[in-house]
Amino acid sequence: MTRPEHTGYDADVAIVGYGPSGVIAATYLGMAGISTVVLEKDKDLYSRARAVTVNDWTLRIFQEFGVAERVKQDMDPARGMTWKTYTGQTVFHLDVYPGELGQPAAMMIYQPDMEQELRNNCAQHESLDLRFGHAFTKLSQDSEGVTLIATDAADNPYDLRVKYVIGADGGSSRVREAAGYSLVGDTKPRRWLVIDGAVRKPWPGHDELVFWSDQTWPVVDIPLAKGNHRWEIPLNDGERDDDYESEERVWERLAPLGITEENVTIKGWAFYSHHVRHLEKWRAGRVVMIGDAAHLMPPWAGQGMQSGIRDAQNIAWKIEALVHGRVGEDILDTVQSERWMHVKEMTDISLRLGRFIEMEKGWAVGLRNWLAPKLQNVKLVIEALRPKNETNRFVDGWATGRTGRRSAVGRMIPQPQVTDASGTTGLLDDLAGRGFLVFGLGTNPRHAMSPTQAQAWSALGARFLTVHPATDTATDPDSLVDHTGLLGDWAAKFDARVLVVRPDRLVAATDATGLDVPAPRGNLKEK
């Protein structure tokens, strides 16, 4: 690992936890060359699948790492979700939303294999020190940094001095506890048996995600990638986890679905409760919690793991800018303000889906089964139940000028296929590059800025690009042609001709709202 220049530190950053959130944060920091120590208490990757899907935002992150095409080879396209009764009636079907981020809108995954690929990719970065079997114990911090106490794989204690800490250690976070914080919210009383199996002989509908809608026995039936399958089945009243100690008892719960040993091999089973909990404050000085350490949501929308991945993307570029002295520490306040809006919306969608799935009163089930088919094509109903590109935004955070319905500020830009001056055609992110980008739609973006503004964005490492319409050609290395017109049309909706885009592809500023570099707290009100 490359040590930080300031010899009083062992590393610039410590990440506690190396699940999906931790590996994403570590990869970003590794790509940036930021010296980072990762403490992971487990010696091996957790072998059970938890998450079941990824969408185009998550895949866009994988694209930035250069692994999207590789991991997609082990994924299957999602076909949406269907509610059915045990009599075969289709109650409702929800298609996958149309994507505009340059990646498939939704893919089914097998998490252990996907996560292993991400870890393999992450391990190549020389600035990372990955410590497996090392458990975080406690921390203390001062105005200059954070001191952590940990134990190594042989249970020997040691201390570690860093500038910043990312707590990515899950729902039972020790970092959160050490910071003196606790989650608020509720845990649903219903307990769920989650069964993972490997498909041996496919059955009709095995590749369709189905919610079996029943008053007393709703079942979630999920096709995972690479020939894997999952069932999530609620325990009956009075049942306990230890009632299912034998595989024979697990088969009893699959039998009513017509699933036998001829169809699948059971790989394992576990028990879960659904949480709706979050931290009221994610930041404690130089320590920031992300992922399940900061928020927990029900699984129905498939957004739990992905929300943590987006948290990691958000904090990583800010930590990088902090370490290089390009922004002030108040930027850490914007991690929660930017991400909570999206997390809250995904949580609300999950809760709405859950209410639709878990109805227990007979009259409500009957009403749902009668009414739902009539609402199949009602736009407001679909939007209430399905994540979409328009939700990929923030209102309060590191940005200049107003946000809102008519502003591009805080929104994620689409990703069309573009062509550069050499004639190479590819996705926008691949040809434009990483980091800050300043796009001029049909115009040189520098012409819309004062020299002071252009210099300030250049100090953040921004690249300035002119994006031409299909009728023009790219004539220099800093120009692209958008043959689809997707980016230009998108910007035009917000009366913008210049877009300043952050490393996470969210808009920080436009010519319509002001092109100054934001203060560290952006448009957040002062404390």
Protein backbone atom coordinates (compact mmCIF):
# COMPACT_ATOMS: atom_id res chain seq x y z
CA MET A 1 0.00 0.00 0.00
CA THR A 2 1.19 3.52 -0.80
CA ARG A 3 1.48 5.46 2.48
CA PRO A 4 0.15 9.03 2.76
CA GLU A 5 2.71 11.81 2.60
CA HIS A 6 1.83 12.96 6.13
CA THR A 7 3.84 10.51 8.22
CA GLY A 8 1.57 10.94 11.23
CA TYR A 9 -1.03 8.70 9.56
CA ASP A 10 -1.03 5.02 8.69
CA ALA A 11 -3.40 5.76 5.81
CA ASP A 12 -5.66 8.52 4.56
CA VAL A 13 -8.85 6.48 4.97
CA ALA A 14 -10.08 3.44 6.86
CA ILE A 15 -13.10 1.52 5.58
CA VAL A 16 -14.68 -0.79 8.12
CA GLY A 17 -16.59 -3.55 6.35
CA TYR A 18 -15.93 -5.07 2.92
CA GLY A 19 -19.38 -6.03 1.77
CA PRO A 20 -20.86 -4.42 -1.37
CA SER A 21 -20.72 -0.87 0.04
CA GLY A 22 -17.18 -1.29 1.31
CA VAL A 23 -15.80 -2.81 -1.88
CA ILE A 24 -17.30 -0.01 -3.99
CA ALA A 25 -15.83 2.70 -1.76
CA ALA A 26 -12.48 0.91 -1.71
CA THR A 27 -12.42 0.55 -5.49
CA TYR A 28 -13.08 4.23 -6.06
CA LEU A 29 -10.39 5.23 -3.58
CA GLY A 30 -8.01 2.68 -5.05
CA MET A 31 -8.58 4.03 -8.56
CA ALA A 32 -7.77 7.50 -7.21
CA GLY A 33 -4.59 6.28 -5.50
CA ILE A 34 -5.84 7.22 -2.02
CA SER A 35 -4.08 5.21 0.69
CA THR A 36 -6.82 3.15 2.32
CA VAL A 37 -6.96 0.39 4.92
CA VAL A 38 -9.96 -1.94 4.80
CA LEU A 39 -10.87 -3.85 7.96
CA GLU A 40 -13.09 -6.89 7.35
CA LYS A 41 -13.81 -9.17 10.30
CA ASP A 42 -14.61 -12.20 8.12
CA LYS A 43 -11.77 -14.04 6.45
CA ASP A 44 -13.86 -15.24 3.53
CA LEU A 45 -16.63 -13.88 1.34
CA TYR A 46 -20.12 -14.53 2.70
CA SER A 47 -21.41 -17.40 0.57
CA ARG A 48 -25.15 -16.76 0.81
CA ALA A 49 -27.01 -14.66 -1.75
CA ARG A 50 -28.86 -11.71 -0.24
CA ALA A 51 -29.52 -9.16 -2.98
CA VAL A 52 -31.21 -10.42 -6.14
CA THR A 53 -30.96 -7.63 -8.71
CA VAL A 54 -29.00 -4.64 -9.98
CA ASN A 55 -30.22 -1.78 -12.13
CA ASP A 56 -28.69 0.60 -14.65
CA TRP A 57 -27.29 3.03 -12.06
CA THR A 58 -25.41 0.22 -10.34
CA LEU A 59 -24.23 -1.19 -13.67
CA ARG A 60 -23.04 2.29 -14.66
CA ILE A 61 -20.82 2.21 -11.57
CA PHE A 62 -19.50 -1.21 -12.60
CA GLN A 63 -18.88 0.23 -16.08
CA GLU A 64 -16.67 2.90 -14.53
CA PHE A 65 -14.64 0.12 -12.89
CA GLY A 66 -14.29 -1.64 -16.24
CA VAL A 67 -16.08 -4.77 -15.07
CA ALA A 68 -19.66 -4.24 -16.28
CA GLU A 69 -19.40 -6.46 -19.34
CA ARG A 70 -17.68 -9.19 -17.37
CA VAL A 71 -20.21 -9.33 -14.54
CA LYS A 72 -23.16 -9.08 -16.95
CA GLN A 73 -22.09 -12.38 -18.47
CA ASP A 74 -23.16 -13.99 -15.20
CA MET A 75 -26.48 -12.13 -14.98
CA ASP A 76 -29.90 -12.67 -16.53
CA PRO A 77 -32.23 -9.94 -17.82
CA ALA A 78 -35.07 -9.16 -15.42
CA ARG A 79 -38.56 -9.68 -16.82
CA GLY A 80 -40.36 -7.53 -14.32
CA MET A 81 -42.53 -8.95 -11.54
CA THR A 82 -45.93 -10.62 -11.51
CA TRP A 83 -48.54 -11.09 -8.79
CA LYS A 84 -50.43 -14.37 -9.10
CA THR A 85 -52.89 -16.39 -7.06
CA TYR A 86 -52.50 -20.09 -6.42
CA THR A 87 -55.42 -20.65 -8.78
CA GLY A 88 -53.35 -19.22 -11.62
CA GLN A 89 -54.96 -15.78 -11.87
CA THR A 90 -52.55 -12.98 -12.82
CA VAL A 91 -53.39 -10.11 -10.52
CA PHE A 92 -50.85 -7.56 -11.69
CA HIS A 93 -47.65 -7.28 -13.73
CA LEU A 94 -44.99 -4.61 -13.38
CA ASP A 95 -42.54 -4.24 -16.25
CA VAL A 96 -38.98 -3.01 -15.84
CA TYR A 97 -38.78 0.74 -16.45
CA PRO A 98 -37.13 1.89 -19.71
CA GLY A 99 -33.54 2.88 -19.04
CA GLU A 100 -31.49 5.74 -20.46
CA LEU A 101 -28.24 5.23 -18.57
CA GLY A 102 -26.53 3.11 -21.23
CA GLN A 103 -26.97 -0.15 -19.30
CA PRO A 104 -29.77 -2.71 -18.95
CA ALA A 105 -32.53 -1.34 -16.74
CA ALA A 106 -32.48 -4.42 -14.46
CA MET A 107 -30.57 -7.69 -14.25
CA MET A 108 -30.96 -10.69 -11.97
CA ILE A 109 -27.74 -11.60 -10.15
CA TYR A 110 -26.14 -14.26 -8.01
CA GLN A 111 -24.55 -12.03 -5.39
CA PRO A 112 -21.63 -14.18 -4.15
CA ASP A 113 -20.19 -14.50 -7.67
CA MET A 114 -20.80 -10.85 -8.55
CA GLU A 115 -19.24 -9.71 -5.29
CA GLN A 116 -16.19 -11.93 -5.85
CA GLU A 117 -15.63 -10.32 -9.25
CA LEU A 118 -15.82 -6.88 -7.64
CA ARG A 119 -13.32 -7.93 -4.98
CA ASN A 120 -10.95 -9.38 -7.57
CA ASN A 121 -11.04 -6.11 -9.47
CA CYS A 122 -10.58 -4.03 -6.32
CA ALA A 123 -7.54 -5.99 -5.15
CA GLN A 124 -5.41 -4.76 -8.07
CA HIS A 125 -5.08 -1.23 -6.67
CA GLU A 126 -1.75 -0.67 -4.93
CA SER A 127 -2.97 2.06 -2.57
CA LEU A 128 -5.27 -0.40 -0.76
CA ASP A 129 -4.39 -2.50 2.28
CA LEU A 130 -7.09 -5.20 2.56
CA ARG A 131 -7.06 -6.85 5.98
CA PHE A 132 -9.31 -9.89 6.23
CA GLY A 133 -10.04 -11.35 9.65
CA HIS A 134 -9.35 -7.94 11.24
CA ALA A 135 -12.12 -6.74 13.54
CA PHE A 136 -12.81 -3.12 14.40
CA THR A 137 -13.14 -2.53 18.15
CA LYS A 138 -13.41 1.17 18.88
CA LEU A 139 -12.33 4.62 17.78
CA SER A 140 -11.53 8.09 19.04
CA GLN A 141 -11.12 11.23 17.00
CA ASP A 142 -9.74 14.74 17.24
CA SER A 143 -9.45 17.72 14.93
CA GLU A 144 -6.63 16.10 12.95
CA GLY A 145 -7.81 12.53 12.47
CA VAL A 146 -9.22 9.29 13.84
CA THR A 147 -7.52 6.56 15.84
CA LEU A 148 -9.04 3.10 15.50
CA ILE A 149 -8.41 0.04 17.64
CA ALA A 150 -8.67 -3.30 15.85
CA THR A 151 -7.63 -6.91 16.29
CA ASP A 152 -5.82 -8.90 13.65
CA ALA A 153 -6.58 -12.43 12.45
CA ALA A 154 -4.77 -13.83 15.50
CA ASP A 155 -6.85 -11.60 17.82
CA ASN A 156 -3.91 -9.32 18.59
CA PRO A 157 -4.95 -5.69 19.18
CA TYR A 158 -3.36 -2.77 17.34
CA ASP A 159 -4.15 0.87 16.61
CA LEU A 160 -4.51 2.64 13.29
CA ARG A 161 -4.32 6.38 12.61
CA VAL A 162 -6.23 7.79 9.60
CA LYS A 163 -7.79 11.05 8.43
CA TYR A 164 -11.29 9.72 7.70
CA VAL A 165 -13.37 6.62 8.42
CA ILE A 166 -16.15 5.10 6.32
CA GLY A 167 -18.43 2.85 8.35
CA ALA A 168 -19.69 0.19 5.93
CA ASP A 169 -20.05 -2.63 8.43
CA GLY A 170 -23.72 -3.47 8.01
CA GLY A 171 -26.87 -3.43 10.06
CA SER A 172 -25.12 -4.38 13.31
CA SER A 173 -22.43 -1.72 12.74
CA ARG A 174 -19.74 -1.46 15.40
CA VAL A 175 -18.67 1.87 13.90
CA ARG A 176 -22.15 3.27 14.39
CA GLU A 177 -22.10 2.06 17.99
CA ALA A 178 -18.65 3.56 18.59
CA ALA A 179 -19.90 6.90 17.23
CA GLY A 180 -22.68 6.82 19.80
CA TYR A 181 -25.48 6.59 17.25
CA SER A 182 -28.38 4.15 16.90
CA LEU A 183 -30.98 3.44 14.25
CA VAL A 184 -34.54 4.68 14.60
CA GLY A 185 -37.59 3.02 13.06
CA ASP A 186 -39.31 -0.34 13.17
CA THR A 187 -38.77 -4.02 12.53
CA LYS A 188 -41.70 -5.89 11.02
CA PRO A 189 -42.95 -8.66 13.32
CA ARG A 190 -43.28 -11.23 10.55
CA ARG A 191 -40.34 -13.65 10.22
CA TRP A 192 -39.36 -15.00 6.80
CA LEU A 193 -37.74 -18.28 5.77
CA VAL A 194 -35.42 -17.69 2.80
CA ILE A 195 -34.50 -20.79 0.79
CA ASP A 196 -31.75 -20.86 -1.84
CA GLY A 197 -31.59 -23.63 -4.39
CA ALA A 198 -29.76 -24.67 -7.55
CA VAL A 199 -32.07 -25.54 -10.43
CA ARG A 200 -31.77 -29.12 -11.63
CA LYS A 201 -34.86 -29.41 -13.83
CA PRO A 202 -36.70 -26.20 -14.84
CA TRP A 203 -40.45 -25.94 -14.30
CA PRO A 204 -42.96 -23.72 -16.08
CA GLY A 205 -42.40 -20.12 -15.01
CA HIS A 206 -39.10 -20.83 -13.25
CA ASP A 207 -37.57 -17.74 -14.90
CA GLU A 208 -40.28 -15.31 -13.78
CA LEU A 209 -40.25 -13.31 -10.55
CA VAL A 210 -43.63 -14.08 -8.97
CA PHE A 211 -45.34 -12.87 -5.82
CA TRP A 212 -47.79 -15.63 -4.93
CA SER A 213 -50.59 -13.51 -3.51
CA ASP A 214 -52.38 -15.32 -0.75
CA GLN A 215 -54.04 -14.15 2.44
CA THR A 216 -52.24 -16.53 4.78
CA TRP A 217 -49.26 -17.77 2.79
CA PRO A 218 -47.70 -15.18 0.43
CA VAL A 219 -44.53 -16.47 -1.20
CA VAL A 220 -41.84 -14.58 -3.12
CA ASP A 221 -40.52 -16.76 -5.98
CA ILE A 222 -37.28 -15.35 -7.44
CA PRO A 223 -35.12 -16.58 -10.34
CA LEU A 224 -31.50 -15.73 -9.60
CA ALA A 225 -28.69 -15.82 -12.14
CA LYS A 226 -26.45 -18.78 -12.99
CA GLY A 227 -29.17 -21.39 -12.45
CA ASN A 228 -29.99 -20.37 -8.89
CA HIS A 229 -33.41 -19.78 -7.38
CA ARG A 230 -34.84 -18.34 -4.17
CA TRP A 231 -38.08 -18.59 -2.23
CA GLU A 232 -39.03 -16.24 0.60
CA ILE A 233 -41.80 -17.73 2.74
CA PRO A 234 -43.31 -16.24 5.90
CA LEU A 235 -43.39 -18.36 9.03
CA ASN A 236 -46.82 -19.19 10.35
CA ASP A 237 -48.04 -17.83 13.68
CA GLY A 238 -46.29 -19.64 16.49
CA GLU A 239 -43.44 -20.96 14.33
CA ARG A 240 -39.82 -20.26 15.21
CA ASP A 241 -36.52 -20.41 13.34
CA ASP A 242 -35.47 -23.62 15.08
CA ASP A 243 -38.59 -25.38 13.77
CA TYR A 244 -36.66 -25.60 10.50
CA GLU A 245 -33.45 -27.26 11.56
CA SER A 246 -33.79 -30.09 9.02
CA GLU A 247 -33.91 -30.00 5.24
CA GLU A 248 -36.98 -32.23 5.42
CA ARG A 249 -38.92 -29.44 7.12
CA VAL A 250 -37.79 -26.95 4.46
CA TRP A 251 -39.06 -29.26 1.71
CA GLU A 252 -42.45 -29.21 3.40
CA ARG A 253 -42.70 -25.51 2.66
CA LEU A 254 -41.71 -25.92 -0.99
CA ALA A 255 -44.04 -28.86 -1.69
CA PRO A 256 -47.24 -26.77 -2.01
CA LEU A 257 -45.52 -24.85 -4.82
CA GLY A 258 -44.91 -28.08 -6.71
CA ILE A 259 -41.15 -27.90 -6.16
CA THR A 260 -39.44 -31.22 -5.49
CA GLU A 261 -35.94 -32.64 -5.31
CA GLU A 262 -36.27 -33.34 -9.01
CA ASN A 263 -36.41 -29.58 -9.63
CA VAL A 264 -33.79 -28.17 -7.27
CA THR A 265 -31.00 -28.92 -4.86
CA ILE A 266 -31.33 -26.91 -1.66
CA LYS A 267 -28.13 -24.95 -1.08
CA GLY A 268 -29.12 -23.45 2.25
CA TRP A 269 -31.72 -21.48 4.14
CA ALA A 270 -31.81 -18.61 6.57
CA PHE A 271 -34.27 -16.39 8.43
CA TYR A 272 -34.82 -12.67 8.08
CA SER A 273 -36.92 -9.90 9.53
CA HIS A 274 -37.73 -6.82 7.48
CA HIS A 275 -36.41 -3.57 8.90
CA VAL A 276 -37.43 0.00 8.24
CA ARG A 277 -34.70 1.79 10.16
CA HIS A 278 -32.27 4.62 9.58
CA LEU A 279 -29.79 6.92 11.23
CA GLU A 280 -30.92 10.46 11.90
CA LYS A 281 -27.33 11.58 11.44
CA TRP A 282 -24.83 9.74 9.24
CA ARG A 283 -21.79 11.86 10.02
CA ALA A 284 -19.87 12.00 13.30
CA GLY A 285 -16.98 14.38 12.66
CA ARG A 286 -14.52 12.54 10.41
CA VAL A 287 -16.61 9.35 10.46
CA VAL A 288 -19.46 8.72 8.02
CA MET A 289 -21.76 5.67 7.99
CA ILE A 290 -23.10 4.31 4.71
CA GLY A 291 -25.18 1.36 3.47
CA ASP A 292 -26.88 -0.85 6.03
CA ALA A 293 -24.90 0.88 8.77
CA ALA A 294 -26.98 4.00 7.99
CA HIS A 295 -30.30 2.65 6.71
CA LEU A 296 -32.26 -0.58 6.36
CA MET A 297 -35.26 -1.16 4.10
CA PRO A 298 -37.50 -4.11 3.18
CA PRO A 299 -36.32 -6.16 0.17
CA TRP A 300 -39.35 -5.77 -2.08
CA ALA A 301 -37.91 -3.17 -4.48
CA GLY A 302 -34.46 -4.79 -4.65
CA GLN A 303 -32.82 -1.53 -3.58
CA GLY A 304 -31.11 -2.28 -0.25
CA MET A 305 -27.67 -3.38 -1.46
CA GLN A 306 -27.83 -0.95 -4.36
CA SER A 307 -28.53 1.99 -2.05
CA GLY A 308 -25.35 1.18 -0.15
CA ILE A 309 -23.40 1.00 -3.40
CA ARG A 310 -24.65 4.48 -4.34
CA ASP A 311 -23.74 5.78 -0.87
CA ALA A 312 -20.22 4.50 -1.46
CA GLN A 313 -19.99 6.21 -4.84
CA ASN A 314 -21.18 9.46 -3.27
CA ILE A 315 -18.73 9.52 -0.39
CA ALA A 316 -15.71 8.23 -2.32
CA TRP A 317 -15.27 11.17 -4.70
CA LYS A 318 -15.79 13.58 -1.82
CA ILE A 319 -13.15 11.85 0.32
CA GLU A 320 -10.78 11.93 -2.67
CA ALA A 321 -11.32 15.68 -3.08
CA LEU A 322 -10.85 16.18 0.68
CA VAL A 323 -7.58 14.27 0.81
CA HIS A 324 -6.23 16.36 -2.06
CA GLY A 325 -7.26 19.55 -0.29
CA ARG A 326 -9.67 20.63 -3.02
CA VAL A 327 -12.75 20.99 -0.80
CA GLY A 328 -13.53 21.59 2.86
CA GLU A 329 -14.68 18.98 5.37
CA ASP A 330 -18.22 20.36 5.40
CA ILE A 331 -18.74 18.47 2.15
CA LEU A 332 -19.20 15.36 4.32
CA ASP A 333 -22.55 16.78 5.46
CA THR A 334 -23.81 16.44 1.90
CA VAL A 335 -23.46 12.64 1.84
CA GLN A 336 -26.57 12.23 3.96
CA SER A 337 -28.49 15.18 2.50
CA GLU A 338 -28.00 13.91 -1.04
CA ARG A 339 -28.43 10.21 -0.47
CA TRP A 340 -31.27 10.23 2.07
CA MET A 341 -33.78 11.61 -0.43
CA HIS A 342 -33.20 8.67 -2.75
CA VAL A 343 -32.98 6.10 0.04
CA LYS A 344 -36.26 7.38 1.48
CA GLU A 345 -37.98 7.13 -1.89
CA MET A 346 -36.72 3.57 -2.43
CA THR A 347 -37.85 2.66 1.09
CA ASP A 348 -41.31 4.08 0.41
CA ILE A 349 -41.57 2.08 -2.84
CA SER A 350 -40.52 -1.05 -0.95
CA LEU A 351 -43.18 -0.42 1.68
CA ARG A 352 -45.88 0.12 -0.97
CA LEU A 353 -44.87 -3.10 -2.71
CA GLY A 354 -44.86 -4.89 0.64
CA ARG A 355 -48.38 -3.75 1.46
CA PHE A 356 -49.48 -4.97 -1.95
CA ILE A 357 -47.80 -8.34 -1.35
CA GLU A 358 -48.55 -9.04 2.32
CA MET A 359 -52.25 -8.25 2.63
CA GLU A 360 -53.72 -10.41 5.39
CA LYS A 361 -57.41 -9.48 5.60
CA GLY A 362 -59.61 -11.51 3.32
CA TRP A 363 -61.69 -8.56 2.12
CA ALA A 364 -58.53 -6.60 1.25
CA VAL A 365 -57.08 -9.54 -0.71
CA GLY A 366 -60.34 -9.92 -2.61
CA LEU A 367 -60.50 -6.20 -3.37
CA ARG A 368 -56.88 -6.17 -4.52
CA ASN A 369 -57.36 -9.17 -6.81
CA TRP A 370 -60.44 -7.55 -8.36
CA LEU A 371 -59.10 -4.01 -8.64
CA ALA A 372 -55.43 -4.55 -9.52
CA PRO A 373 -56.01 -5.81 -13.11
CA LYS A 374 -58.05 -2.67 -13.78
CA LEU A 375 -55.11 -0.51 -12.64
CA GLN A 376 -52.54 -2.36 -14.75
CA ASN A 377 -51.92 0.54 -17.14
CA VAL A 378 -52.60 3.49 -14.83
CA LYS A 379 -49.44 5.63 -14.92
CA LEU A 380 -49.71 6.94 -11.36
CA VAL A 381 -50.00 3.39 -10.00
CA ILE A 382 -46.99 2.18 -12.00
CA GLU A 383 -44.87 5.15 -10.90
CA ALA A 384 -45.79 4.56 -7.25
CA LEU A 385 -44.56 0.95 -7.41
CA ARG A 386 -41.52 1.16 -9.67
CA PRO A 387 -38.14 2.92 -9.33
CA LYS A 388 -37.33 5.07 -12.36
CA ASN A 389 -34.59 7.30 -13.74
CA GLU A 390 -36.31 10.45 -12.49
CA THR A 391 -35.61 9.36 -8.90
CA ASN A 392 -31.83 9.45 -9.47
CA ARG A 393 -31.36 12.93 -8.01
CA PHE A 394 -30.94 15.09 -4.94
CA VAL A 395 -32.31 18.47 -3.89
CA ASP A 396 -30.00 19.59 -1.05
CA GLY A 397 -26.31 19.04 -1.54
CA TRP A 398 -23.08 19.91 -3.31
CA ALA A 399 -24.46 21.97 -6.17
CA THR A 400 -24.75 25.56 -7.33
CA GLY A 401 -28.13 27.16 -7.84
CA ARG A 402 -31.64 25.89 -7.58
CA THR A 403 -32.91 22.37 -7.90
CA GLY A 404 -36.45 21.42 -8.74
CA ARG A 405 -38.76 20.17 -11.45
CA ARG A 406 -37.42 22.56 -14.09
CA SER A 407 -33.75 22.35 -13.16
CA ALA A 408 -31.08 19.85 -14.21
CA VAL A 409 -29.14 20.53 -11.01
CA GLY A 410 -28.95 17.44 -8.80
CA ARG A 411 -30.10 15.07 -11.53
CA MET A 412 -28.23 12.20 -13.17
CA ILE A 413 -27.42 12.74 -16.83
CA PRO A 414 -28.34 10.05 -19.37
CA GLN A 415 -25.61 8.08 -21.15
CA PRO A 416 -25.92 7.89 -24.93
CA GLN A 417 -23.57 6.33 -27.45
CA VAL A 418 -21.23 9.04 -28.73
CA THR A 419 -18.38 9.34 -31.24
CA ASP A 420 -15.06 11.11 -30.69
CA ALA A 421 -12.72 12.85 -33.14
CA SER A 422 -10.90 9.60 -33.94
CA GLY A 423 -14.14 7.98 -35.08
CA THR A 424 -14.41 5.75 -32.02
CA THR A 425 -17.99 5.12 -30.91
CA GLY A 426 -18.80 4.14 -27.34
CA LEU A 427 -20.76 5.00 -24.25
CA LEU A 428 -20.45 8.59 -23.03
CA ASP A 429 -18.74 7.73 -19.72
CA ASP A 430 -16.10 5.63 -21.46
CA LEU A 431 -15.14 8.31 -23.99
CA ALA A 432 -15.54 11.35 -21.73
CA GLY A 433 -13.55 9.83 -18.88
CA ARG A 434 -13.78 9.86 -15.11
CA GLY A 435 -13.96 12.78 -12.71
CA PHE A 436 -15.57 16.18 -13.22
CA LEU A 437 -16.85 16.95 -16.72
CA VAL A 438 -18.09 20.20 -18.22
CA PHE A 439 -20.28 19.59 -21.26
CA GLY A 440 -21.23 22.29 -23.71
CA LEU A 441 -24.21 21.23 -25.82
CA GLY A 442 -23.38 22.56 -29.29
CA THR A 443 -21.06 25.17 -27.78
CA ASN A 444 -17.62 25.41 -26.21
CA PRO A 445 -18.44 25.34 -22.47
CA ARG A 446 -15.56 27.70 -21.63
CA HIS A 447 -17.31 30.45 -23.56
CA ALA A 448 -20.17 30.37 -21.05
CA MET A 449 -17.81 30.78 -18.07
CA SER A 450 -15.69 33.53 -16.65
CA PRO A 451 -11.96 32.79 -16.50
CA THR A 452 -12.30 32.48 -12.72
CA GLN A 453 -15.07 29.88 -13.02
CA ALA A 454 -13.16 27.86 -15.62
CA GLN A 455 -10.00 27.95 -13.49
CA ALA A 456 -11.92 26.81 -10.39
CA TRP A 457 -13.39 23.78 -12.19
CA SER A 458 -9.99 23.02 -13.72
CA ALA A 459 -8.53 22.96 -10.20
CA LEU A 460 -10.96 20.10 -9.46
CA GLY A 461 -9.56 18.23 -12.47
CA ALA A 462 -12.52 18.92 -14.76
CA ARG A 463 -12.38 18.09 -18.46
CA PHE A 464 -14.17 20.51 -20.82
CA LEU A 465 -16.02 18.90 -23.75
CA THR A 466 -18.16 20.16 -26.60
CA VAL A 467 -20.99 17.79 -27.49
CA HIS A 468 -22.09 18.23 -31.09
CA PRO A 469 -25.42 17.16 -32.62
CA ALA A 470 -25.56 14.42 -35.25
CA THR A 471 -25.33 17.00 -38.06
CA ASP A 472 -21.82 18.03 -36.95
CA THR A 473 -18.53 16.23 -36.54
CA ALA A 474 -16.03 15.99 -33.69
CA THR A 475 -12.99 17.99 -34.79
CA ASP A 476 -10.68 17.94 -31.76
CA PRO A 477 -9.86 15.67 -28.80
CA ASP A 478 -12.26 17.58 -26.54
CA SER A 479 -15.35 17.15 -28.67
CA LEU A 480 -17.92 14.39 -29.06
CA VAL A 481 -20.89 13.76 -31.34
CA ASP A 482 -24.17 12.62 -29.78
CA HIS A 483 -25.87 10.92 -32.75
CA THR A 484 -28.93 10.07 -30.68
CA GLY A 485 -29.46 13.61 -29.41
CA LEU A 486 -30.27 12.10 -26.02
CA LEU A 487 -28.01 14.33 -23.93
CA GLY A 488 -28.89 17.52 -25.80
CA ASP A 489 -32.62 16.84 -25.65
CA TRP A 490 -32.35 16.06 -21.94
CA ALA A 491 -30.50 19.31 -21.21
CA ALA A 492 -32.93 21.30 -23.34
CA LYS A 493 -35.81 20.22 -21.07
CA PHE A 494 -34.11 22.27 -18.35
CA ASP A 495 -33.06 25.20 -20.58
CA ALA A 496 -29.41 24.28 -20.12
CA ARG A 497 -26.62 24.43 -22.70
CA VAL A 498 -23.76 23.85 -20.27
CA LEU A 499 -23.75 21.03 -17.72
CA VAL A 500 -21.11 20.64 -15.03
CA VAL A 501 -21.19 16.98 -14.03
CA ARG A 502 -19.73 15.52 -10.84
CA PRO A 503 -17.80 12.23 -10.76
CA ASP A 504 -21.06 10.44 -9.85
CA ARG A 505 -22.68 11.81 -13.04
CA LEU A 506 -25.04 14.09 -11.13
CA VAL A 507 -25.23 17.70 -12.26
CA ALA A 508 -23.48 20.23 -10.00
CA ALA A 509 -24.16 23.38 -12.02
CA THR A 510 -25.62 24.66 -15.30
CA ASP A 511 -25.55 27.91 -17.24
CA ALA A 512 -29.23 28.31 -16.35
CA THR A 513 -28.57 28.29 -12.60
CA GLY A 514 -24.97 29.52 -12.19
CA LEU A 515 -21.56 28.05 -13.01
CA ASP A 516 -19.59 28.79 -9.86
CA VAL A 517 -17.94 25.89 -8.03
CA PRO A 518 -20.15 25.14 -5.01
CA ALA A 519 -19.02 25.87 -1.48
CA PRO A 520 -18.28 22.69 0.51
CA ARG A 521 -21.88 22.52 1.78
CA GLY A 522 -23.28 23.38 -1.64
CA ASN A 523 -26.83 24.67 -1.43
CA LEU A 524 -27.34 23.35 2.09
CA LYS A 525 -28.41 25.94 4.61
CA GLU A 526 -25.81 26.81 7.19
CA LYS A 527 -26.02 25.03 10.54
